Amino acid sequence: MPKNTHKIAIAGAATLGAAAIAFSVVPADAHTTTTDAVSSARVAYSTEPVQGVKGTVTDQLAGSNLKVEAIEAKKNAAADAAAKKKAAAEAVRKAVAAKKKAAAEAARKAAAAKAAAAHKAKQAASRSAHRAAVKPVAAKSYANNLDGWIRESLHIMKKHGIPGSYEGLKRNIMRESSGNPNAINDWDINAINGIPSKGLLQVIPPTFKAYHVAGTSWNIYDPVANITAACNYAADKYGSMDNVNSAY
């Protein structure tokens, strides 16, 4: 052994829980100095494999993995909860916004309807005021004589587009009845057939009924009704009562 070299001796204890270590220093001059008492007990070695060490390590690793997985799961759960909370808050925000929008639209429509109703009421009031301001036209009155009957009949004929003149009507009236509204012919062919001519213009009942003008009486002896129906018939057959110069 080289000079100044130290030798170290290690003694193992008999049990796993305790060990005694002794150091021997052997100087170069071969004298041995012992620093500590060394147990003279022999170390027992076993050829059997150590049991349970690997299992303990595996269990520890498995426990560590479970802890990591638990932490990861907790993080994921927290993230999901945060996402759900965010989604719920967004849903509430949208619902509130939709409610506000619907309320604003309803208020707008209500205001528009109110404005339209007010405008309509204003227009109606304006029309009512205008109608009140316009003086009603009094119904035109006619004398209850031949002149008045002819003029009233001409007024009605004009509204219905029936041609005729004052002179044409009066001329034929005087020839047919001499201006007598109750005149009746009881001797001509019509009388023989049971449908005598009647009234100012001597109209037979079937003709009066067929050519009656709306707005006049259904009484064949009524002067205005008789004249107007006779002129309507003459317009259809001759173009106008003005074209009649004899019995028609």
Foldseek 3Di string as FASTA:
>chain_A
DDAPDFDADAAADQDPVDGDGWGWGQHPVRDIDGPDDDDPDHHDDDPDDDPDPVVVVVVVVVVVVVVVVVVVVVVVVVVVVVVVVVVVVVVVVVVVVVVVVVVVVVVVVVVVVVVVVVVVVVVVVVVVVVVVVDDDDDDDAFDPAPVRLLVVLVVLCVVVVQDDDSVLLVQQLCVQPNRQLADWDCPDPCNVVVFIFGGSNRHTLVQLVVQFDPPDDSDCSPSNRVSNSVQSVCCVVPVGSSRDDDRD
